[in-house]
Amino acid sequence: MRIQANTQKHRPGGEPILSFNRTLLLGRLAVQDLWHDRIISFCIVSSLVAVIAPLLLLFGLRFGVISQLQDDLTRDPRNLEIRMLSSGSYDQAWIDALRQRPDVGFAIGQTRSLNTLADLQTDSSHFIENAEVIPTDAGDPLLGKLEILHDNEIVLTQEAARKLAVKVGDTVTLRVSRQREERREWGRKSLTVVGILAPTYFNRAALFTQPALLLMLERFRDGYAVSELGNSSGSQLNDKPPLYARARLYASDIDQVASLERVLRAQRIETTSRLADIENVKSINRVLGVIFNTIAATALIGCVASLIGSFIANVDRKRKHIAVLRLLGFTGPAVGLYVILQGCLLSLLAYVGGYGIYLLASQIFNRALAGSQATDQMLCKITLQHSLFAMALTLLVALLVASIGARRAINIEPAQSLREV
């Protein structure tokens, strides 16, 4: 009796509470009891694995497919672009106001369509007529890490570089013409190639340059004298600030495309974008979410019902063992903790088994579908955070279900149970 008194503490009201040593003893008893009834434990664990593994696999497929679609949308800057279809007259203040908007990722003024074309030439056998001249600046989604520091530097598309047979560091000649006083005049400027854009997102013959060069082209065609193009004839330039016909505009992310397009249309600016493709991905995400949530809820309800029956049956089968524990000095809360520990241990083993099956099945999925993937991403995957959340959810369900069995175990009367021996 002295040993029992030393291993048992009391609350102020006199009710005993578990000591650390007694908690360890309770844990060892729970593990040994599960091992003693390992066939029944295996059946309970198997029933849980049959629910956990398919749910992990289903969620991995949903997350992998949607992540890949969203990554493809995000990586492709063309999905962020909003094209202005109509020409207008916009000053630099309007462009700057666009740039200040949080839903705008990149904006730059663009001159009239006629002034965005020019000839490129390296020699008599390598030239391009009416190549696109596109304004750019730091942060251009199409150029990525390529950067233009001076107005005599350009980035060529791969198609343009192929036709001109040039590489980075070479010089090309830009040529533009105009009709003035019944005679044709030419403007020329030597440009240095500082980068070549891969054809992934832009495969036409074009060059990217700073806006200053496009303004030179526009002023030259408007009849002004532009010494930078080697032509001093024409009207003298005034200090009037430039006006742009439209803007190259990109949203900050795919979720902002719709709202930014609405803002422009509210200003009576006709636009076009890849909003339909973005909405398709979001629609797929919603449909897969409904499917997964419905299947998960159905499986969870069935799992909970099965576990409740299993734990209650297990408690009823061990009424005499629980009565003996009570007679050995374990309190009602201790017996309840004993049942809860067993439930959590079984659920943890089931999660480990289900996660192992998921890893094996996900590899089979990824290898089987590897031939149809456009990227190297996995089609079935879950993150570490998802894994930990799923484990916590499994233990929470086990804790709630085991609490029902624990309540039944606490209500067992030792004398009444032993009288049945």
Foldseek 3Di string as FASTA:
>chain_A
DVVLVVQWDADPVGHIDGDPVVLVVLLVVLVVVCVVVVVLLVVLLVLLLVQLQVLQQLVLLLCLQLVVLQVVCFLQQQQQWKAFDFWDWAFVVVQVVQVPDQFFQDKDFAADPVLQFWKKADDPQAIDGGAGEAEDAPRDSQVVPDHDDDQQEKEWEPQQCVRRVDDAFDKMKIKDWEQDPNDIDMFIAIHGYHYYGYPPRPPGTHMYGHVVVSVLSVCVRVFEADVNRVGRDGHHDDPDGGIGTDMTTGTPGSVSRVVVCVVCVVVVTDIDHVNVSVVVSVVSSVVSVVVSVVSSVVSLVVSLVVLLVSLQVVLVVCLQVLLVVVVVPQALVSQLVSLLSSLLVSLLSSLVSSVVSNVVVQVVVQVVCVVVDPDPGRSGDDDPVVSVVSSVVSSVSSNVSSNSSSVVSSPRHSVVVVVVD
